Amino acid sequence: TILGCLEGHTACGVSSSNSTNTTSTTTTTSNSSAGAGACGAQRTCNAAENVAAAGSNTITSAQLQTHNSATDCWMVIGCLVYDLTAYVPRHSGGKGTVVGNCGGDGTASFVGKHPYTYLS
C-alpha cells in the first residue's frame, strides 16, 4: 500500500517548504500537484512508480523509523513509502530479507531483484 512520499522529496509535488497539517501517521501538504521525475536530490523516480497514488501525503523519517517490525513494516522503495506489513510473511525470499529494511530504505535490496510493477 502506498502511504506517501518521504518528507523532503518532491516527486509527489510536496516539499518541506509547503504548509502542512500533521496527523499521527502522515503529514499532508497543501500542494497537490504530482508527477514523475526527481524525488529530492538523492532519488530518481522509476517510471513504473505510481507517484499519483501518494497524493499529497508525506511521511517523516521519524514516522518511518517507528514502523520497523514484521508486524508493522513501512519502507521507502524508490520515491515512495509503502506499508509492506501484509506482504512480509508472503515474501518468496523469506521474511528476514524484508524485515531488515522495515522502518528504512529498501531500495537497494529491491532494485535488481524485483520489477517496480510488483509494488502496484
C-alpha atoms as a PDB file:
ATOM      1  CA  THR A   1       0.000   0.000   0.000  1.00  0.00           C
ATOM      2  CA  ILE A   2       1.388   3.395  -0.960  1.00  0.00           C
ATOM      3  CA  LEU A   3       1.401   5.737   2.025  1.00  0.00           C
ATOM      4  CA  GLY A   4       3.099   8.796   0.530  1.00  0.00           C
ATOM      5  CA  CYS A   5       6.456  10.363  -0.233  1.00  0.00           C
ATOM      6  CA  LEU A   6       9.285  10.639   2.242  1.00  0.00           C
ATOM      7  CA  GLU A   7       9.484  14.185   3.608  1.00  0.00           C
ATOM      8  CA  GLY A   8      11.744  16.427   1.579  1.00  0.00           C
ATOM      9  CA  HIS A   9      11.243  14.562  -1.681  1.00  0.00           C
ATOM     10  CA  THR A  10       9.492  16.470  -4.442  1.00  0.00           C
ATOM     11  CA  ALA A  11       8.134  13.739  -6.722  1.00  0.00           C
ATOM     12  CA  CYS A  12       4.687  13.932  -5.217  1.00  0.00           C
ATOM     13  CA  GLY A  13       4.570  17.674  -5.612  1.00  0.00           C
ATOM     14  CA  VAL A  14       5.361  18.195  -1.942  1.00  0.00           C
ATOM     15  CA  SER A  15       8.321  19.664  -0.156  1.00  0.00           C
ATOM     16  CA  SER A  16       9.163  20.644   3.359  1.00  0.00           C
ATOM     17  CA  SER A  17       8.620  24.322   2.456  1.00  0.00           C
ATOM     18  CA  ASN A  18       4.876  23.854   1.862  1.00  0.00           C
ATOM     19  CA  SER A  19       2.374  24.472   4.647  1.00  0.00           C
ATOM     20  CA  THR A  20       1.472  21.240   6.433  1.00  0.00           C
ATOM     21  CA  ASN A  21      -1.261  19.659   8.505  1.00  0.00           C
ATOM     22  CA  THR A  22       0.147  16.898  10.677  1.00  0.00           C
ATOM     23  CA  THR A  23      -1.695  13.793  11.885  1.00  0.00           C
ATOM     24  CA  SER A  24      -0.343  10.885  13.868  1.00  0.00           C
ATOM     25  CA  THR A  25       0.638   8.930  10.759  1.00  0.00           C
ATOM     26  CA  THR A  26       1.073  11.330   7.847  1.00  0.00           C
ATOM     27  CA  THR A  27       1.832  14.907   7.048  1.00  0.00           C
ATOM     28  CA  THR A  28      -0.183  16.340   4.198  1.00  0.00           C
ATOM     29  CA  THR A  29       0.697  19.461   2.292  1.00  0.00           C
ATOM     30  CA  SER A  30      -1.451  21.986   0.547  1.00  0.00           C
ATOM     31  CA  ASN A  31       0.305  21.450  -2.785  1.00  0.00           C
ATOM     32  CA  SER A  32      -1.460  18.581  -4.573  1.00  0.00           C
ATOM     33  CA  SER A  33       0.371  18.504  -7.907  1.00  0.00           C
ATOM     34  CA  ALA A  34       2.035  15.201  -8.707  1.00  0.00           C
ATOM     35  CA  GLY A  35       4.334  13.926 -11.398  1.00  0.00           C
ATOM     36  CA  ALA A  36       7.259  11.688 -12.217  1.00  0.00           C
ATOM     37  CA  GLY A  37      10.823  12.886 -12.130  1.00  0.00           C
ATOM     38  CA  ALA A  38      13.226  13.931  -9.418  1.00  0.00           C
ATOM     39  CA  CYS A  39      12.479  12.745  -5.927  1.00  0.00           C
ATOM     40  CA  GLY A  40      14.677  15.064  -3.970  1.00  0.00           C
ATOM     41  CA  ALA A  41      18.388  15.310  -4.595  1.00  0.00           C
ATOM     42  CA  GLN A  42      19.174  11.661  -3.831  1.00  0.00           C
ATOM     43  CA  ARG A  43      16.347   9.813  -5.566  1.00  0.00           C
ATOM     44  CA  THR A  44      15.027   9.321  -9.069  1.00  0.00           C
ATOM     45  CA  CYS A  45      11.521   8.017  -9.588  1.00  0.00           C
ATOM     46  CA  ASN A  46      11.123   4.928 -11.723  1.00  0.00           C
ATOM     47  CA  ALA A  47       8.509   5.381 -14.466  1.00  0.00           C
ATOM     48  CA  ALA A  48       6.564   2.404 -13.055  1.00  0.00           C
ATOM     49  CA  GLU A  49       6.125   4.024  -9.629  1.00  0.00           C
ATOM     50  CA  ASN A  50       2.572   5.190  -9.034  1.00  0.00           C
ATOM     51  CA  VAL A  51       3.526   8.634  -7.756  1.00  0.00           C
ATOM     52  CA  ALA A  52      -0.014   9.966  -8.250  1.00  0.00           C
ATOM     53  CA  ALA A  53      -1.348   7.400  -5.742  1.00  0.00           C
ATOM     54  CA  ALA A  54       0.681   9.033  -2.999  1.00  0.00           C
ATOM     55  CA  GLY A  55      -1.290  12.216  -3.455  1.00  0.00           C
ATOM     56  CA  SER A  56      -0.002  14.977  -1.229  1.00  0.00           C
ATOM     57  CA  ASN A  57       0.861  12.702   1.716  1.00  0.00           C
ATOM     58  CA  THR A  58       4.324  12.920   3.187  1.00  0.00           C
ATOM     59  CA  ILE A  59       5.913  10.683   5.787  1.00  0.00           C
ATOM     60  CA  THR A  60       8.662  11.983   8.038  1.00  0.00           C
ATOM     61  CA  SER A  61      11.818   9.963   8.628  1.00  0.00           C
ATOM     62  CA  ALA A  62      10.878   9.778  12.307  1.00  0.00           C
ATOM     63  CA  GLN A  63       7.467   8.298  11.450  1.00  0.00           C
ATOM     64  CA  LEU A  64       9.024   5.808   9.027  1.00  0.00           C
ATOM     65  CA  GLN A  65      11.536   4.613  11.623  1.00  0.00           C
ATOM     66  CA  THR A  66       8.796   3.661  14.104  1.00  0.00           C
ATOM     67  CA  HIS A  67       7.316   1.108  11.685  1.00  0.00           C
ATOM     68  CA  ASN A  68      10.264  -1.279  11.823  1.00  0.00           C
ATOM     69  CA  SER A  69       8.992  -4.797  12.508  1.00  0.00           C
ATOM     70  CA  ALA A  70       7.404  -7.753  10.747  1.00  0.00           C
ATOM     71  CA  THR A  71       4.036  -6.802  12.246  1.00  0.00           C
ATOM     72  CA  ASP A  72       4.336  -3.090  11.332  1.00  0.00           C
ATOM     73  CA  CYS A  73       6.553  -2.603   8.288  1.00  0.00           C
ATOM     74  CA  TRP A  74       6.832   0.658   6.363  1.00  0.00           C
ATOM     75  CA  MET A  75       9.617   1.013   3.824  1.00  0.00           C
ATOM     76  CA  VAL A  76      10.936   3.513   1.302  1.00  0.00           C
ATOM     77  CA  ILE A  77      11.424   1.981  -2.134  1.00  0.00           C
ATOM     78  CA  GLY A  78      12.403   4.405  -4.865  1.00  0.00           C
ATOM     79  CA  CYS A  79      10.435   7.591  -4.294  1.00  0.00           C
ATOM     80  CA  LEU A  80       7.585   6.313  -2.175  1.00  0.00           C
ATOM     81  CA  VAL A  81       6.840   4.941   1.295  1.00  0.00           C
ATOM     82  CA  TYR A  82       4.936   1.652   1.339  1.00  0.00           C
ATOM     83  CA  ASP A  83       3.172  -0.300   4.082  1.00  0.00           C
ATOM     84  CA  LEU A  84       4.500  -3.820   3.446  1.00  0.00           C
ATOM     85  CA  THR A  85       3.172  -5.420   6.636  1.00  0.00           C
ATOM     86  CA  ALA A  86       0.772  -7.776   4.831  1.00  0.00           C
ATOM     87  CA  TYR A  87       3.490  -8.783   2.366  1.00  0.00           C
ATOM     88  CA  VAL A  88       6.196  -9.707   4.913  1.00  0.00           C
ATOM     89  CA  PRO A  89       5.018 -13.314   5.539  1.00  0.00           C
ATOM     90  CA  ARG A  90       4.476 -13.928   1.803  1.00  0.00           C
ATOM     91  CA  HIS A  91       7.903 -12.815   0.545  1.00  0.00           C
ATOM     92  CA  SER A  92       9.365 -15.663  -1.504  1.00  0.00           C
ATOM     93  CA  GLY A  93      12.892 -14.923  -0.280  1.00  0.00           C
ATOM     94  CA  GLY A  94      11.832 -15.178   3.354  1.00  0.00           C
ATOM     95  CA  LYS A  95      10.557 -12.515   5.694  1.00  0.00           C
ATOM     96  CA  GLY A  96      14.011 -11.690   7.068  1.00  0.00           C
ATOM     97  CA  THR A  97      15.003 -10.017   3.825  1.00  0.00           C
ATOM     98  CA  VAL A  98      12.067  -7.626   4.095  1.00  0.00           C
ATOM     99  CA  VAL A  99      12.130  -7.127   7.874  1.00  0.00           C
ATOM    100  CA  GLY A 100      15.759  -5.998   7.735  1.00  0.00           C
ATOM    101  CA  ASN A 101      14.616  -2.915   5.820  1.00  0.00           C
ATOM    102  CA  CYS A 102      11.396  -2.150   7.717  1.00  0.00           C
ATOM    103  CA  GLY A 103      11.455   1.406   9.000  1.00  0.00           C
ATOM    104  CA  GLY A 104      14.087   2.402   6.467  1.00  0.00           C
ATOM    105  CA  ASP A 105      15.148   2.398   2.848  1.00  0.00           C
ATOM    106  CA  GLY A 106      14.783  -0.897   0.988  1.00  0.00           C
ATOM    107  CA  THR A 107      15.539   0.457  -2.476  1.00  0.00           C
ATOM    108  CA  ALA A 108      18.951  -1.181  -2.823  1.00  0.00           C
ATOM    109  CA  SER A 109      17.574  -4.573  -1.758  1.00  0.00           C
ATOM    110  CA  PHE A 110      14.568  -4.262  -4.068  1.00  0.00           C
ATOM    111  CA  VAL A 111      16.151  -2.943  -7.273  1.00  0.00           C
ATOM    112  CA  GLY A 112      17.649  -5.634  -9.465  1.00  0.00           C
ATOM    113  CA  LYS A 113      15.632  -8.386  -7.801  1.00  0.00           C
ATOM    114  CA  HIS A 114      12.083  -7.192  -8.499  1.00  0.00           C
ATOM    115  CA  PRO A 115      10.410  -5.033 -11.137  1.00  0.00           C
ATOM    116  CA  TYR A 116       8.737  -1.885  -9.826  1.00  0.00           C
ATOM    117  CA  THR A 117       5.434  -3.277 -11.101  1.00  0.00           C
ATOM    118  CA  TYR A 118       5.475  -5.618  -8.076  1.00  0.00           C
ATOM    119  CA  LEU A 119       4.605  -2.571  -5.998  1.00  0.00           C
ATOM    120  CA  SER A 120       1.384  -1.880  -7.871  1.00  0.00           C
END
